[in-house]
């Protein structure tokens, strides 16, 4: 004698419902992330004069001569971490793409450009801490300049 086993409807319906809920949750998370993420900053690595720009988060590479600086500028334009390149003989000021660790980038640039006299990081928060300012400086915008 064969006894019929009653199939539980819950075991048939539950897996597709869970899969649909997970897909909807992933889609919602992607949508919210797209709304919250700030817009991409424009990248323009054509060298521009520094005059008129006040940088608050940048890497400055200072060379011993204007000729050394001029020779290095094309490689700065091709650096994927560079977002803007400003020249002020004999130095190059570099704004980074968002998410770049300025200190690590400065170390890489120092190793790459042996003719550079000095590679420094401009960081308004660190500068304020060193100077022990009583009032904090204005917050540095994401663009890296005021």
Protein backbone atom coordinates (compact mmCIF):
# COMPACT_ATOMS: atom_id res chain seq x y z
CA UNK A 1 0.00 0.00 0.00
CA UNK A 2 1.32 3.43 -0.97
CA UNK A 3 0.57 6.26 1.35
CA UNK A 4 0.47 9.68 -0.26
CA UNK A 5 2.71 12.22 1.35
CA UNK A 6 1.13 15.61 1.37
CA UNK A 7 3.45 18.21 -0.14
CA UNK A 8 3.96 21.29 1.98
CA UNK A 9 3.14 24.42 -0.05
CA UNK A 10 5.50 26.45 2.05
CA UNK A 11 8.57 24.59 0.79
CA UNK A 12 7.50 25.28 -2.82
CA UNK A 13 6.79 28.98 -2.35
CA UNK A 14 9.45 30.04 0.14
CA UNK A 15 12.65 29.80 -2.02
CA UNK A 16 11.34 32.03 -4.86
CA UNK A 17 10.01 34.56 -2.34
CA UNK A 18 13.39 34.71 -0.58
CA UNK A 19 15.21 35.09 -3.90
CA UNK A 20 12.87 37.90 -4.95
CA UNK A 21 13.32 39.69 -1.62
CA UNK A 22 17.14 39.46 -1.87
CA UNK A 23 17.10 40.81 -5.44
CA UNK A 24 14.83 43.69 -4.44
CA UNK A 25 17.08 44.49 -1.47
CA UNK A 26 20.21 44.49 -3.64
CA UNK A 27 18.51 46.75 -6.19
CA UNK A 28 17.39 49.15 -3.47
CA UNK A 29 20.89 49.24 -1.96
CA UNK A 30 22.41 50.04 -5.36
CA UNK A 31 19.84 52.81 -5.94
CA UNK A 32 20.44 54.39 -2.52
CA UNK A 33 24.22 54.23 -3.01
CA UNK A 34 23.88 55.98 -6.37
CA UNK A 35 21.83 58.75 -4.76
CA UNK A 36 24.17 59.25 -1.80
CA UNK A 37 27.47 59.11 -3.72
CA UNK A 38 28.79 62.58 -4.52
CA UNK A 39 29.22 63.44 -8.19
CA UNK A 40 32.54 62.70 -9.81
CA UNK A 41 35.00 65.59 -9.81
CA UNK A 42 36.29 66.70 -13.19
CA UNK A 43 39.80 65.62 -14.11
CA UNK A 44 41.91 68.16 -15.98
CA UNK A 45 45.63 67.47 -15.79
CA UNK A 46 46.64 70.19 -18.24
CA UNK A 47 49.09 72.31 -16.24
CA UNK A 48 47.58 75.59 -15.07
CA UNK A 49 49.16 78.46 -13.15
CA UNK A 50 48.79 78.19 -9.37
CA UNK A 51 48.05 81.92 -9.03
CA UNK A 52 44.52 82.48 -7.77
CA UNK A 53 44.12 78.99 -6.27
CA UNK A 54 44.24 78.28 -2.53
CA UNK A 55 44.90 74.58 -2.02
CA UNK A 56 44.04 72.83 1.25
CA UNK A 57 44.70 69.17 0.32
CA UNK A 58 47.46 68.60 -2.23
CA UNK A 59 50.93 67.24 -2.84
CA UNK A 60 53.65 69.75 -3.76
CA UNK A 61 56.73 68.58 -5.63
CA UNK A 62 59.52 71.18 -5.54
CA UNK A 63 62.40 70.89 -8.01
CA UNK A 64 65.82 72.50 -7.94
CA UNK A 65 65.26 74.21 -11.29
CA UNK A 66 62.48 75.18 -13.65
CA UNK A 67 64.02 72.89 -16.31
CA UNK A 68 63.68 69.85 -14.01
CA UNK A 69 60.08 70.82 -13.30
CA UNK A 70 59.26 71.29 -16.99
CA UNK A 71 60.74 67.88 -17.79
CA UNK A 72 58.56 66.21 -15.12
CA UNK A 73 55.22 67.88 -15.96
CA UNK A 74 54.21 65.43 -18.75
CA UNK A 75 54.47 62.49 -16.37
CA UNK A 76 52.25 64.28 -13.83
CA UNK A 77 49.62 64.68 -16.52
CA UNK A 78 49.61 60.90 -17.05
CA UNK A 79 49.44 60.00 -13.33
CA UNK A 80 46.07 58.32 -12.64
CA UNK A 81 46.00 59.81 -9.12
CA UNK A 82 46.28 63.39 -10.39
CA UNK A 83 43.04 65.34 -10.79
CA UNK A 84 44.49 68.85 -11.32
CA UNK A 85 48.06 70.00 -11.98
CA UNK A 86 49.18 73.52 -11.04
CA UNK A 87 52.62 74.94 -11.78
CA UNK A 88 54.45 77.62 -9.87
CA UNK A 89 58.13 77.46 -10.85
CA UNK A 90 59.99 75.49 -9.76
CA UNK A 91 57.19 73.47 -8.13
CA UNK A 92 54.15 71.46 -9.16
CA UNK A 93 51.04 71.33 -6.97
CA UNK A 94 48.87 68.26 -7.48
CA UNK A 95 45.26 67.79 -6.47
CA UNK A 96 44.37 64.12 -6.18
CA UNK A 97 41.34 62.17 -7.30
CA UNK A 98 39.03 61.46 -4.34
CA UNK A 99 40.10 58.54 -2.21
CA UNK A 100 43.83 59.00 -2.75
CA UNK A 101 46.03 58.72 0.34
CA UNK A 102 48.09 61.91 -0.02
CA UNK A 103 50.92 60.76 2.25
CA UNK A 104 51.37 57.47 0.40
CA UNK A 105 51.19 59.28 -2.95
CA UNK A 106 53.81 61.78 -1.77
CA UNK A 107 56.15 58.91 -0.88
CA UNK A 108 55.63 57.36 -4.33
CA UNK A 109 56.30 60.69 -6.03
CA UNK A 110 59.42 61.24 -3.94
CA UNK A 111 60.76 57.83 -5.01
CA UNK A 112 59.85 58.45 -8.66
CA UNK A 113 61.29 61.98 -9.00
CA UNK A 114 64.86 61.85 -7.74
CA UNK A 115 65.51 65.36 -9.10
CA UNK A 116 62.88 66.76 -6.73
CA UNK A 117 64.28 68.69 -3.80
CA UNK A 118 61.21 68.16 -1.66
CA UNK A 119 57.79 66.49 -1.78
CA UNK A 120 55.30 67.81 0.78
CA UNK A 121 51.66 67.27 1.62
CA UNK A 122 49.33 70.21 2.13
CA UNK A 123 46.71 69.16 4.66
CA UNK A 124 44.80 71.95 6.39
CA UNK A 125 43.79 69.74 9.35
CA UNK A 126 47.36 68.59 10.02
CA UNK A 127 48.65 72.14 9.66
CA UNK A 128 46.06 73.42 12.13
CA UNK A 129 47.04 70.71 14.62
CA UNK A 130 50.75 71.58 14.29
CA UNK A 131 50.08 75.27 14.78
CA UNK A 132 47.75 74.52 17.72
CA UNK A 133 45.14 76.86 16.37
CA UNK A 134 42.40 77.74 18.84
CA UNK A 135 39.75 77.80 16.11
CA UNK A 136 39.62 75.12 13.45
CA UNK A 137 40.34 76.19 9.88
CA UNK A 138 37.49 76.14 7.40
CA UNK A 139 36.71 72.60 6.29
CA UNK A 140 38.64 71.68 3.17
CA UNK A 141 36.18 70.94 0.36
CA UNK A 142 36.31 67.61 -1.45
CA UNK A 143 37.85 69.42 -4.43
CA UNK A 144 41.01 70.14 -2.40
CA UNK A 145 40.91 73.91 -2.74
CA UNK A 146 38.97 76.76 -1.15
